[in-house]
Amino acid sequence: MHSIITILESILTNIVEICTIILELFGVAILVFTAVKCFWYWMKHDSKIRLELAQGIALSLEFKMGSEVLRTVIVREWGELGILGVIILLRGILTFLIHWEIKHEEKALALDAQKKS
């Protein structure tokens, strides 16, 4: 019975590690894609650069936070859990600040659109 549990734990650990890496890869891909897209907007002197970049960073952070939450499944020690908790807290604060920035940038763009019309 002990060997079955060990095998199942090993399978779970491998699945979680693979999924964690995939989620982090998605977050990095989204961030790089957003940065390239916003650089293109900057070249065209588009006014929505800040909003697009903030939205891309927020989405990327969501994927990264998802990977950290998934990683908590395989944590074995309290020290590791504390580190993951701090990472999740910091990313949550960053996400909150970025969403606040998005809200204010949307308001600014709406005011600019009203002034132009």
PDB file of N, CA and C in Angstrom:
ATOM      1  N   MET A   1       0.825  -1.200   0.000  1.00  0.00           N
ATOM      2  CA  MET A   1       0.000   0.000   0.000  1.00  0.00           C
ATOM      3  C   MET A   1       0.867   1.262   0.000  1.00  0.00           C
ATOM      4  N   HIS A   2       1.976   1.222   0.751  1.00  0.00           N
ATOM      5  CA  HIS A   2       2.860   2.379   0.821  1.00  0.00           C
ATOM      6  C   HIS A   2       3.479   2.697  -0.536  1.00  0.00           C
ATOM      7  N   SER A   3       3.786   1.686  -1.303  1.00  0.00           N
ATOM      8  CA  SER A   3       4.392   1.914  -2.619  1.00  0.00           C
ATOM      9  C   SER A   3       3.398   2.550  -3.584  1.00  0.00           C
ATOM     10  N   ILE A   4       2.122   2.213  -3.463  1.00  0.00           N
ATOM     11  CA  ILE A   4       1.091   2.827  -4.322  1.00  0.00           C
ATOM     12  C   ILE A   4       0.972   4.311  -4.003  1.00  0.00           C
ATOM     13  N   ILE A   5       0.972   4.639  -2.726  1.00  0.00           N
ATOM     14  CA  ILE A   5       0.888   6.045  -2.311  1.00  0.00           C
ATOM     15  C   ILE A   5       2.114   6.816  -2.806  1.00  0.00           C
ATOM     16  N   THR A   6       3.276   6.221  -2.701  1.00  0.00           N
ATOM     17  CA  THR A   6       4.500   6.870  -3.173  1.00  0.00           C
ATOM     18  C   THR A   6       4.441   7.114  -4.678  1.00  0.00           C
ATOM     19  N   ILE A   7       3.939   6.134  -5.414  1.00  0.00           N
ATOM     20  CA  ILE A   7       3.813   6.281  -6.874  1.00  0.00           C
ATOM     21  C   ILE A   7       2.812   7.372  -7.206  1.00  0.00           C
ATOM     22  N   LEU A   8       1.668   7.388  -6.516  1.00  0.00           N
ATOM     23  CA  LEU A   8       0.648   8.420  -6.771  1.00  0.00           C
ATOM     24  C   LEU A   8       1.169   9.811  -6.425  1.00  0.00           C
ATOM     25  N   GLU A   9       1.910   9.927  -5.320  1.00  0.00           N
ATOM     26  CA  GLU A   9       2.505  11.218  -4.971  1.00  0.00           C
ATOM     27  C   GLU A   9       3.502  11.675  -6.030  1.00  0.00           C
ATOM     28  N   SER A  10       4.263  10.748  -6.545  1.00  0.00           N
ATOM     29  CA  SER A  10       5.232  11.074  -7.591  1.00  0.00           C
ATOM     30  C   SER A  10       4.525  11.539  -8.861  1.00  0.00           C
ATOM     31  N   ILE A  11       3.454  10.840  -9.214  1.00  0.00           N
ATOM     32  CA  ILE A  11       2.681  11.234 -10.400  1.00  0.00           C
ATOM     33  C   ILE A  11       2.091  12.627 -10.205  1.00  0.00           C
ATOM     34  N   LEU A  12       1.487  12.871  -9.022  1.00  0.00           N
ATOM     35  CA  LEU A  12       0.901  14.186  -8.732  1.00  0.00           C
ATOM     36  C   LEU A  12       1.960  15.274  -8.785  1.00  0.00           C
ATOM     37  N   THR A  13       3.114  15.022  -8.193  1.00  0.00           N
ATOM     38  CA  THR A  13       4.200  16.007  -8.199  1.00  0.00           C
ATOM     39  C   THR A  13       4.634  16.326  -9.625  1.00  0.00           C
ATOM     40  N   ASN A  14       4.784  15.313 -10.449  1.00  0.00           N
ATOM     41  CA  ASN A  14       5.196  15.542 -11.836  1.00  0.00           C
ATOM     42  C   ASN A  14       4.145  16.314 -12.621  1.00  0.00           C
ATOM     43  N   ILE A  15       2.875  15.964 -12.430  1.00  0.00           N
ATOM     44  CA  ILE A  15       1.797  16.670 -13.138  1.00  0.00           C
ATOM     45  C   ILE A  15       1.759  18.134 -12.715  1.00  0.00           C
ATOM     46  N   VAL A  16       1.844  18.394 -11.408  1.00  0.00           N
ATOM     47  CA  VAL A  16       1.797  19.775 -10.899  1.00  0.00           C
ATOM     48  C   VAL A  16       2.993  20.570 -11.410  1.00  0.00           C
ATOM     49  N   GLU A  17       4.182  19.973 -11.405  1.00  0.00           N
ATOM     50  CA  GLU A  17       5.367  20.689 -11.888  1.00  0.00           C
ATOM     51  C   GLU A  17       5.255  21.012 -13.368  1.00  0.00           C
ATOM     52  N   ILE A  18       4.744  20.084 -14.161  1.00  0.00           N
ATOM     53  CA  ILE A  18       4.571  20.339 -15.596  1.00  0.00           C
ATOM     54  C   ILE A  18       3.542  21.440 -15.816  1.00  0.00           C
ATOM     55  N   CYS A  19       2.413  21.356 -15.118  1.00  0.00           N
ATOM     56  CA  CYS A  19       1.369  22.375 -15.276  1.00  0.00           C
ATOM     57  C   CYS A  19       1.846  23.746 -14.792  1.00  0.00           C
ATOM     58  N   THR A  20       2.643  23.764 -13.740  1.00  0.00           N
ATOM     59  CA  THR A  20       3.195  25.016 -13.225  1.00  0.00           C
ATOM     60  C   THR A  20       4.101  25.659 -14.272  1.00  0.00           C
ATOM     61  N   ILE A  21       4.943  24.862 -14.873  1.00  0.00           N
ATOM     62  CA  ILE A  21       5.841  25.385 -15.913  1.00  0.00           C
ATOM     63  C   ILE A  21       5.044  25.891 -17.106  1.00  0.00           C
ATOM     64  N   ILE A  22       3.988  25.166 -17.492  1.00  0.00           N
ATOM     65  CA  ILE A  22       3.156  25.594 -18.622  1.00  0.00           C
ATOM     66  C   ILE A  22       2.479  26.927 -18.310  1.00  0.00           C
ATOM     67  N   LEU A  23       1.918  27.064 -17.095  1.00  0.00           N
ATOM     68  CA  LEU A  23       1.274  28.334 -16.727  1.00  0.00           C
ATOM     69  C   LEU A  23       2.273  29.487 -16.710  1.00  0.00           C
ATOM     70  N   GLU A  24       3.465  29.232 -16.192  1.00  0.00           N
ATOM     71  CA  GLU A  24       4.480  30.286 -16.191  1.00  0.00           C
ATOM     72  C   GLU A  24       4.895  30.638 -17.619  1.00  0.00           C
ATOM     73  N   LEU A  25       4.985  29.646 -18.482  1.00  0.00           N
ATOM     74  CA  LEU A  25       5.311  29.892 -19.886  1.00  0.00           C
ATOM     75  C   LEU A  25       4.234  30.743 -20.552  1.00  0.00           C
ATOM     76  N   PHE A  26       2.965  30.450 -20.254  1.00  0.00           N
ATOM     77  CA  PHE A  26       1.874  31.267 -20.789  1.00  0.00           C
ATOM     78  C   PHE A  26       2.009  32.717 -20.323  1.00  0.00           C
ATOM     79  N   GLY A  27       2.317  32.897 -19.034  1.00  0.00           N
ATOM     80  CA  GLY A  27       2.483  34.252 -18.503  1.00  0.00           C
ATOM     81  C   GLY A  27       3.610  35.006 -19.189  1.00  0.00           C
ATOM     82  N   VAL A  28       4.731  34.327 -19.403  1.00  0.00           N
ATOM     83  CA  VAL A  28       5.863  34.960 -20.088  1.00  0.00           C
ATOM     84  C   VAL A  28       5.506  35.273 -21.536  1.00  0.00           C
ATOM     85  N   ALA A  29       4.839  34.338 -22.213  1.00  0.00           N
ATOM     86  CA  ALA A  29       4.456  34.557 -23.612  1.00  0.00           C
ATOM     87  C   ALA A  29       3.505  35.744 -23.746  1.00  0.00           C
ATOM     88  N   ILE A  30       2.552  35.839 -22.843  1.00  0.00           N
ATOM     89  CA  ILE A  30       1.608  36.967 -22.877  1.00  0.00           C
ATOM     90  C   ILE A  30       2.337  38.278 -22.654  1.00  0.00           C
ATOM     91  N   LEU A  31       3.256  38.299 -21.706  1.00  0.00           N
ATOM     92  CA  LEU A  31       3.997  39.527 -21.420  1.00  0.00           C
ATOM     93  C   LEU A  31       4.864  39.948 -22.604  1.00  0.00           C
ATOM     94  N   VAL A  32       5.555  38.997 -23.212  1.00  0.00           N
ATOM     95  CA  VAL A  32       6.408  39.319 -24.368  1.00  0.00           C
ATOM     96  C   VAL A  32       5.553  39.782 -25.551  1.00  0.00           C
ATOM     97  N   PHE A  33       4.442  39.075 -25.817  1.00  0.00           N
ATOM     98  CA  PHE A  33       3.561  39.465 -26.914  1.00  0.00           C
ATOM     99  C   PHE A  33       3.018  40.872 -26.700  1.00  0.00           C
ATOM    100  N   THR A  34       2.597  41.160 -25.461  1.00  0.00           N
ATOM    101  CA  THR A  34       2.069  42.491 -25.141  1.00  0.00           C
ATOM    102  C   THR A  34       3.141  43.558 -25.304  1.00  0.00           C
ATOM    103  N   ALA A  35       4.355  43.264 -24.880  1.00  0.00           N
ATOM    104  CA  ALA A  35       5.442  44.245 -24.998  1.00  0.00           C
ATOM    105  C   ALA A  35       5.745  44.546 -26.463  1.00  0.00           C
ATOM    106  N   VAL A  36       5.779  43.523 -27.291  1.00  0.00           N
ATOM    107  CA  VAL A  36       6.036  43.734 -28.727  1.00  0.00           C
ATOM    108  C   VAL A  36       4.900  44.531 -29.354  1.00  0.00           C
ATOM    109  N   LYS A  37       3.653  44.178 -29.002  1.00  0.00           N
ATOM    110  CA  LYS A  37       2.495  44.893 -29.534  1.00  0.00           C
ATOM    111  C   LYS A  37       2.518  46.362 -29.104  1.00  0.00           C
ATOM    112  N   CYS A  38       2.854  46.617 -27.847  1.00  0.00           N
ATOM    113  CA  CYS A  38       2.892  47.999 -27.362  1.00  0.00           C
ATOM    114  C   CYS A  38       4.055  48.769 -27.967  1.00  0.00           C
ATOM    115  N   PHE A  39       5.160  48.101 -28.249  1.00  0.00           N
ATOM    116  CA  PHE A  39       6.257  48.765 -28.950  1.00  0.00           C
ATOM    117  C   PHE A  39       5.787  49.196 -30.338  1.00  0.00           C
ATOM    118  N   TRP A  40       5.007  48.349 -30.994  1.00  0.00           N
ATOM    119  CA  TRP A  40       4.452  48.703 -32.305  1.00  0.00           C
ATOM    120  C   TRP A  40       3.531  49.913 -32.181  1.00  0.00           C
ATOM    121  N   TYR A  41       2.691  49.917 -31.139  1.00  0.00           N
ATOM    122  CA  TYR A  41       1.820  51.074 -30.905  1.00  0.00           C
ATOM    123  C   TYR A  41       2.648  52.330 -30.669  1.00  0.00           C
ATOM    124  N   TRP A  42       3.743  52.194 -29.944  1.00  0.00           N
ATOM    125  CA  TRP A  42       4.610  53.337 -29.676  1.00  0.00           C
ATOM    126  C   TRP A  42       5.198  53.874 -30.979  1.00  0.00           C
ATOM    127  N   MET A  43       5.584  52.970 -31.887  1.00  0.00           N
ATOM    128  CA  MET A  43       6.123  53.383 -33.182  1.00  0.00           C
ATOM    129  C   MET A  43       5.075  54.162 -33.987  1.00  0.00           C
ATOM    130  N   LYS A  44       3.806  53.786 -33.812  1.00  0.00           N
ATOM    131  CA  LYS A  44       2.725  54.459 -34.538  1.00  0.00           C
ATOM    132  C   LYS A  44       2.166  55.660 -33.776  1.00  0.00           C
ATOM    133  N   HIS A  45       2.744  55.967 -32.622  1.00  0.00           N
ATOM    134  CA  HIS A  45       2.293  57.075 -31.760  1.00  0.00           C
ATOM    135  C   HIS A  45       0.827  56.912 -31.360  1.00  0.00           C
ATOM    136  N   ASP A  46       0.462  55.692 -31.012  1.00  0.00           N
ATOM    137  CA  ASP A  46      -0.897  55.385 -30.575  1.00  0.00           C
ATOM    138  C   ASP A  46      -1.051  55.757 -29.098  1.00  0.00           C
ATOM    139  N   SER A  47      -2.218  56.221 -28.717  1.00  0.00           N
ATOM    140  CA  SER A  47      -2.421  56.708 -27.346  1.00  0.00           C
ATOM    141  C   SER A  47      -2.813  55.614 -26.362  1.00  0.00           C
ATOM    142  N   LYS A  48      -3.086  54.426 -26.845  1.00  0.00           N
ATOM    143  CA  LYS A  48      -3.555  53.384 -25.928  1.00  0.00           C
ATOM    144  C   LYS A  48      -2.436  52.451 -25.457  1.00  0.00           C
ATOM    145  N   ILE A  49      -1.203  52.881 -25.558  1.00  0.00           N
ATOM    146  CA  ILE A  49      -0.067  52.044 -25.178  1.00  0.00           C
ATOM    147  C   ILE A  49      -0.138  51.655 -23.704  1.00  0.00           C
ATOM    148  N   ARG A  50      -0.305  52.626 -22.836  1.00  0.00           N
ATOM    149  CA  ARG A  50      -0.280  52.354 -21.390  1.00  0.00           C
ATOM    150  C   ARG A  50      -1.384  51.393 -20.987  1.00  0.00           C
ATOM    151  N   LEU A  51      -2.580  51.572 -21.550  1.00  0.00           N
ATOM    152  CA  LEU A  51      -3.701  50.699 -21.214  1.00  0.00           C
ATOM    153  C   LEU A  51      -3.431  49.273 -21.685  1.00  0.00           C
ATOM    154  N   GLU A  52      -2.985  49.123 -22.908  1.00  0.00           N
ATOM    155  CA  GLU A  52      -2.698  47.782 -23.441  1.00  0.00           C
ATOM    156  C   GLU A  52      -1.594  47.089 -22.649  1.00  0.00           C
ATOM    157  N   LEU A  53      -0.548  47.835 -22.321  1.00  0.00           N
ATOM    158  CA  LEU A  53       0.558  47.257 -21.576  1.00  0.00           C
ATOM    159  C   LEU A  53       0.119  46.844 -20.169  1.00  0.00           C
ATOM    160  N   ALA A  54      -0.651  47.691 -19.519  1.00  0.00           N
ATOM    161  CA  ALA A  54      -1.136  47.371 -18.173  1.00  0.00           C
ATOM    162  C   ALA A  54      -2.044  46.137 -18.194  1.00  0.00           C
ATOM    163  N   GLN A  55      -2.901  46.038 -19.197  1.00  0.00           N
ATOM    164  CA  GLN A  55      -3.780  44.875 -19.299  1.00  0.00           C
ATOM    165  C   GLN A  55      -2.982  43.600 -19.566  1.00  0.00           C
ATOM    166  N   GLY A  56      -1.968  43.680 -20.396  1.00  0.00           N
ATOM    167  CA  GLY A  56      -1.127  42.523 -20.669  1.00  0.00           C
ATOM    168  C   GLY A  56      -0.340  42.084 -19.443  1.00  0.00           C
ATOM    169  N   ILE A  57       0.181  43.059 -18.700  1.00  0.00           N
ATOM    170  CA  ILE A  57       0.923  42.729 -17.472  1.00  0.00           C
ATOM    171  C   ILE A  57      -0.016  42.090 -16.456  1.00  0.00           C
ATOM    172  N   ALA A  58      -1.229  42.625 -16.339  1.00  0.00           N
ATOM    173  CA  ALA A  58      -2.199  42.060 -15.385  1.00  0.00           C
ATOM    174  C   ALA A  58      -2.547  40.620 -15.753  1.00  0.00           C
ATOM    175  N   LEU A  59      -2.783  40.360 -17.027  1.00  0.00           N
ATOM    176  CA  LEU A  59      -3.102  38.999 -17.453  1.00  0.00           C
ATOM    177  C   LEU A  59      -1.927  38.067 -17.230  1.00  0.00           C
ATOM    178  N   SER A  60      -0.737  38.539 -17.520  1.00  0.00           N
ATOM    179  CA  SER A  60       0.463  37.744 -17.300  1.00  0.00           C
ATOM    180  C   SER A  60       0.616  37.409 -15.816  1.00  0.00           C
ATOM    181  N   LEU A  61       0.388  38.381 -14.955  1.00  0.00           N
ATOM    182  CA  LEU A  61       0.479  38.149 -13.513  1.00  0.00           C
ATOM    183  C   LEU A  61      -0.558  37.142 -13.031  1.00  0.00           C
ATOM    184  N   GLU A  62      -1.731  37.143 -13.643  1.00  0.00           N
ATOM    185  CA  GLU A  62      -2.761  36.173 -13.263  1.00  0.00           C
ATOM    186  C   GLU A  62      -2.288  34.755 -13.545  1.00  0.00           C
ATOM    187  N   PHE A  63      -1.654  34.547 -14.681  1.00  0.00           N
ATOM    188  CA  PHE A  63      -1.121  33.228 -15.000  1.00  0.00           C
ATOM    189  C   PHE A  63      -0.004  32.844 -14.028  1.00  0.00           C
ATOM    190  N   LYS A  64       0.860  33.805 -13.718  1.00  0.00           N
ATOM    191  CA  LYS A  64       1.950  33.531 -12.786  1.00  0.00           C
ATOM    192  C   LYS A  64       1.403  33.221 -11.386  1.00  0.00           C
ATOM    193  N   MET A  65       0.367  33.932 -10.960  1.00  0.00           N
ATOM    194  CA  MET A  65      -0.240  33.642  -9.667  1.00  0.00           C
ATOM    195  C   MET A  65      -0.895  32.274  -9.679  1.00  0.00           C
ATOM    196  N   GLY A  66      -1.513  31.912 -10.786  1.00  0.00           N
ATOM    197  CA  GLY A  66      -2.101  30.580 -10.906  1.00  0.00           C
ATOM    198  C   GLY A  66      -1.059  29.486 -10.745  1.00  0.00           C
ATOM    199  N   SER A  67       0.109  29.711 -11.315  1.00  0.00           N
ATOM    200  CA  SER A  67       1.171  28.716 -11.184  1.00  0.00           C
ATOM    201  C   SER A  67       1.643  28.613  -9.734  1.00  0.00           C
ATOM    202  N   GLU A  68       1.697  29.737  -9.028  1.00  0.00           N
ATOM    203  CA  GLU A  68       2.118  29.712  -7.621  1.00  0.00           C
ATOM    204  C   GLU A  68       1.074  29.012  -6.756  1.00  0.00           C
ATOM    205  N   VAL A  69      -0.195  29.259  -7.013  1.00  0.00           N
ATOM    206  CA  VAL A  69      -1.249  28.586  -6.259  1.00  0.00           C
ATOM    207  C   VAL A  69      -1.180  27.080  -6.507  1.00  0.00           C
ATOM    208  N   LEU A  70      -0.966  26.692  -7.743  1.00  0.00           N
ATOM    209  CA  LEU A  70      -0.834  25.276  -8.076  1.00  0.00           C
ATOM    210  C   LEU A  70       0.381  24.663  -7.388  1.00  0.00           C
ATOM    211  N   ARG A  71       1.421  25.424  -7.272  1.00  0.00           N
ATOM    212  CA  ARG A  71       2.640  24.940  -6.629  1.00  0.00           C
ATOM    213  C   ARG A  71       2.415  24.634  -5.148  1.00  0.00           C
ATOM    214  N   THR A  72       1.431  25.287  -4.511  1.00  0.00           N
ATOM    215  CA  THR A  72       1.170  25.019  -3.100  1.00  0.00           C
ATOM    216  C   THR A  72       0.708  23.583  -2.863  1.00  0.00           C
ATOM    217  N   VAL A  73       0.229  22.916  -3.891  1.00  0.00           N
ATOM    218  CA  VAL A  73      -0.237  21.535  -3.753  1.00  0.00           C
ATOM    219  C   VAL A  73       0.910  20.602  -3.369  1.00  0.00           C
ATOM    220  N   ILE A  74       2.114  20.880  -3.856  1.00  0.00           N
ATOM    221  CA  ILE A  74       3.230  19.957  -3.638  1.00  0.00           C
ATOM    222  C   ILE A  74       4.223  20.441  -2.592  1.00  0.00           C
ATOM    223  N   VAL A  75       3.905  21.518  -1.898  1.00  0.00           N
ATOM    224  CA  VAL A  75       4.815  22.046  -0.878  1.00  0.00           C
ATOM    225  C   VAL A  75       4.845  21.085   0.309  1.00  0.00           C
ATOM    226  N   ARG A  76       6.029  20.832   0.822  1.00  0.00           N
ATOM    227  CA  ARG A  76       6.196  19.879   1.917  1.00  0.00           C
ATOM    228  C   ARG A  76       6.576  20.541   3.244  1.00  0.00           C
ATOM    229  N   GLU A  77       7.141  21.736   3.205  1.00  0.00           N
ATOM    230  CA  GLU A  77       7.630  22.370   4.428  1.00  0.00           C
ATOM    231  C   GLU A  77       6.972  23.731   4.622  1.00  0.00           C
ATOM    232  N   TRP A  78       6.859  24.151   5.879  1.00  0.00           N
ATOM    233  CA  TRP A  78       6.248  25.437   6.210  1.00  0.00           C
ATOM    234  C   TRP A  78       7.041  26.616   5.646  1.00  0.00           C
ATOM    235  N   GLY A  79       8.352  26.472   5.606  1.00  0.00           N
ATOM    236  CA  GLY A  79       9.184  27.541   5.060  1.00  0.00           C
ATOM    237  C   GLY A  79       8.870  27.806   3.592  1.00  0.00           C
ATOM    238  N   GLU A  80       8.711  26.725   2.824  1.00  0.00           N
ATOM    239  CA  GLU A  80       8.357  26.865   1.406  1.00  0.00           C
ATOM    240  C   GLU A  80       6.979  27.496   1.258  1.00  0.00           C
ATOM    241  N   LEU A  81       6.045  27.074   2.108  1.00  0.00           N
ATOM    242  CA  LEU A  81       4.694  27.628   2.051  1.00  0.00           C
ATOM    243  C   LEU A  81       4.703  29.117   2.376  1.00  0.00           C
ATOM    244  N   GLY A  82       5.532  29.525   3.340  1.00  0.00           N
ATOM    245  CA  GLY A  82       5.649  30.942   3.676  1.00  0.00           C
ATOM    246  C   GLY A  82       6.186  31.755   2.522  1.00  0.00           C
ATOM    247  N   ILE A  83       7.201  31.218   1.857  1.00  0.00           N
ATOM    248  CA  ILE A  83       7.777  31.910   0.685  1.00  0.00           C
ATOM    249  C   ILE A  83       6.741  32.030  -0.418  1.00  0.00           C
ATOM    250  N   LEU A  84       6.006  30.931  -0.679  1.00  0.00           N
ATOM    251  CA  LEU A  84       4.958  30.983  -1.710  1.00  0.00           C
ATOM    252  C   LEU A  84       3.872  31.984  -1.327  1.00  0.00           C
ATOM    253  N   GLY A  85       3.538  32.017  -0.041  1.00  0.00           N
ATOM    254  CA  GLY A  85       2.524  32.977   0.413  1.00  0.00           C
ATOM    255  C   GLY A  85       2.948  34.412   0.178  1.00  0.00           C
ATOM    256  N   VAL A  86       4.198  34.710   0.464  1.00  0.00           N
ATOM    257  CA  VAL A  86       4.716  36.070   0.235  1.00  0.00           C
ATOM    258  C   VAL A  86       4.728  36.393  -1.257  1.00  0.00           C
ATOM    259  N   ILE A  87       5.124  35.438  -2.086  1.00  0.00           N
ATOM    260  CA  ILE A  87       5.125  35.655  -3.537  1.00  0.00           C
ATOM    261  C   ILE A  87       3.715  35.921  -4.035  1.00  0.00           C
ATOM    262  N   ILE A  88       2.761  35.117  -3.578  1.00  0.00           N
ATOM    263  CA  ILE A  88       1.364  35.312  -3.993  1.00  0.00           C
ATOM    264  C   ILE A  88       0.855  36.660  -3.510  1.00  0.00           C
ATOM    265  N   LEU A  89       1.197  37.039  -2.274  1.00  0.00           N
ATOM    266  CA  LEU A  89       0.776  38.343  -1.743  1.00  0.00           C
ATOM    267  C   LEU A  89       1.348  39.490  -2.572  1.00  0.00           C
ATOM    268  N   LEU A  90       2.636  39.430  -2.878  1.00  0.00           N
ATOM    269  CA  LEU A  90       3.260  40.484  -3.689  1.00  0.00           C
ATOM    270  C   LEU A  90       2.639  40.570  -5.077  1.00  0.00           C
ATOM    271  N   ARG A  91       2.414  39.419  -5.699  1.00  0.00           N
ATOM    272  CA  ARG A  91       1.790  39.427  -7.029  1.00  0.00           C
ATOM    273  C   ARG A  91       0.353  39.916  -6.959  1.00  0.00           C
ATOM    274  N   GLY A  92      -0.328  39.602  -5.873  1.00  0.00           N
ATOM    275  CA  GLY A  92      -1.691  40.115  -5.695  1.00  0.00           C
ATOM    276  C   GLY A  92      -1.702  41.626  -5.558  1.00  0.00           C
ATOM    277  N   ILE A  93      -0.758  42.164  -4.793  1.00  0.00           N
ATOM    278  CA  ILE A  93      -0.651  43.621  -4.649  1.00  0.00           C
ATOM    279  C   ILE A  93      -0.332  44.264  -5.993  1.00  0.00           C
ATOM    280  N   LEU A  94       0.600  43.664  -6.731  1.00  0.00           N
ATOM    281  CA  LEU A  94       0.926  44.183  -8.065  1.00  0.00           C
ATOM    282  C   LEU A  94      -0.298  44.166  -8.977  1.00  0.00           C
ATOM    283  N   THR A  95      -1.048  43.068  -8.931  1.00  0.00           N
ATOM    284  CA  THR A  95      -2.250  42.964  -9.756  1.00  0.00           C
ATOM    285  C   THR A  95      -3.256  44.044  -9.384  1.00  0.00           C
ATOM    286  N   PHE A  96      -3.447  44.266  -8.078  1.00  0.00           N
ATOM    287  CA  PHE A  96      -4.363  45.311  -7.621  1.00  0.00           C
ATOM    288  C   PHE A  96      -3.925  46.681  -8.130  1.00  0.00           C
ATOM    289  N   LEU A  97      -2.639  46.980  -7.997  1.00  0.00           N
ATOM    290  CA  LEU A  97      -2.130  48.274  -8.459  1.00  0.00           C
ATOM    291  C   LEU A  97      -2.278  48.435  -9.974  1.00  0.00           C
ATOM    292  N   ILE A  98      -2.033  47.379 -10.695  1.00  0.00           N
ATOM    293  CA  ILE A  98      -2.161  47.451 -12.161  1.00  0.00           C
ATOM    294  C   ILE A  98      -3.620  47.641 -12.554  1.00  0.00           C
ATOM    295  N   HIS A  99      -4.547  46.952 -11.878  1.00  0.00           N
ATOM    296  CA  HIS A  99      -5.968  47.154 -12.187  1.00  0.00           C
ATOM    297  C   HIS A  99      -6.402  48.569 -11.844  1.00  0.00           C
ATOM    298  N   TRP A 100      -5.843  49.130 -10.771  1.00  0.00           N
ATOM    299  CA  TRP A 100      -6.130  50.520 -10.430  1.00  0.00           C
ATOM    300  C   TRP A 100      -5.622  51.445 -11.539  1.00  0.00           C
ATOM    301  N   GLU A 101      -4.429  51.169 -12.044  1.00  0.00           N
ATOM    302  CA  GLU A 101      -3.856  51.949 -13.146  1.00  0.00           C
ATOM    303  C   GLU A 101      -4.708  51.820 -14.404  1.00  0.00           C
ATOM    304  N   ILE A 102      -5.188  50.620 -14.686  1.00  0.00           N
ATOM    305  CA  ILE A 102      -6.038  50.401 -15.863  1.00  0.00           C
ATOM    306  C   ILE A 102      -7.305  51.234 -15.752  1.00  0.00           C
ATOM    307  N   LYS A 103      -7.922  51.232 -14.574  1.00  0.00           N
ATOM    308  CA  LYS A 103      -9.155  51.998 -14.362  1.00  0.00           C
ATOM    309  C   LYS A 103      -8.927  53.486 -14.616  1.00  0.00           C
ATOM    310  N   HIS A 104      -7.842  54.014 -14.098  1.00  0.00           N
ATOM    311  CA  HIS A 104      -7.554  55.433 -14.289  1.00  0.00           C
ATOM    312  C   HIS A 104      -7.144  55.741 -15.733  1.00  0.00           C
ATOM    313  N   GLU A 105      -6.457  54.839 -16.370  1.00  0.00           N
ATOM    314  CA  GLU A 105      -6.076  55.051 -17.773  1.00  0.00           C
ATOM    315  C   GLU A 105      -7.310  55.028 -18.670  1.00  0.00           C
ATOM    316  N   GLU A 106      -8.264  54.136 -18.381  1.00  0.00           N
ATOM    317  CA  GLU A 106      -9.511  54.109 -19.153  1.00  0.00           C
ATOM    318  C   GLU A 106     -10.289  55.407 -18.990  1.00  0.00           C
ATOM    319  N   LYS A 107     -10.308  55.943 -17.773  1.00  0.00           N
ATOM    320  CA  LYS A 107     -10.978  57.223 -17.544  1.00  0.00           C
ATOM    321  C   LYS A 107     -10.294  58.342 -18.315  1.00  0.00           C
ATOM    322  N   ALA A 108      -8.966  58.341 -18.318  1.00  0.00           N
ATOM    323  CA  ALA A 108      -8.210  59.374 -19.027  1.00  0.00           C
ATOM    324  C   ALA A 108      -8.455  59.292 -20.529  1.00  0.00           C
ATOM    325  N   LEU A 109      -8.487  58.071 -21.062  1.00  0.00           N
ATOM    326  CA  LEU A 109      -8.747  57.912 -22.496  1.00  0.00           C
ATOM    327  C   LEU A 109     -10.175  58.338 -22.848  1.00  0.00           C
ATOM    328  N   ALA A 110     -11.122  58.061 -21.954  1.00  0.00           N
ATOM    329  CA  ALA A 110     -12.514  58.484 -22.192  1.00  0.00           C
ATOM    330  C   ALA A 110     -12.626  60.005 -22.179  1.00  0.00           C
ATOM    331  N   LEU A 111     -11.906  60.658 -21.261  1.00  0.00           N
ATOM    332  CA  LEU A 111     -11.912  62.130 -21.225  1.00  0.00           C
ATOM    333  C   LEU A 111     -11.294  62.727 -22.479  1.00  0.00           C
ATOM    334  N   ASP A 112     -10.200  62.127 -22.946  1.00  0.00           N
ATOM    335  CA  ASP A 112      -9.565  62.596 -24.186  1.00  0.00           C
ATOM    336  C   ASP A 112     -10.497  62.428 -25.378  1.00  0.00           C
ATOM    337  N   ALA A 113     -11.252  61.322 -25.402  1.00  0.00           N
ATOM    338  CA  ALA A 113     -12.189  61.094 -26.506  1.00  0.00           C
ATOM    339  C   ALA A 113     -13.319  62.118 -26.470  1.00  0.00           C
ATOM    340  N   GLN A 114     -13.777  62.480 -25.264  1.00  0.00           N
ATOM    341  CA  GLN A 114     -14.841  63.480 -25.127  1.00  0.00           C
ATOM    342  C   GLN A 114     -14.355  64.855 -25.559  1.00  0.00           C
ATOM    343  N   LYS A 115     -13.109  65.176 -25.229  1.00  0.00           N
ATOM    344  CA  LYS A 115     -12.552  66.475 -25.593  1.00  0.00           C
ATOM    345  C   LYS A 115     -12.404  66.604 -27.114  1.00  0.00           C
ATOM    346  N   LYS A 116     -12.083  65.502 -27.767  1.00  0.00           N
ATOM    347  CA  LYS A 116     -11.880  65.537 -29.213  1.00  0.00           C
ATOM    348  C   LYS A 116     -13.198  65.643 -29.975  1.00  0.00           C
ATOM    349  N   SER A 117     -14.287  65.161 -29.333  1.00  0.00           N
ATOM    350  CA  SER A 117     -15.571  65.221 -30.070  1.00  0.00           C
ATOM    351  C   SER A 117     -16.411  66.399 -29.694  1.00  0.00           C
TER     352      SER A 117
END
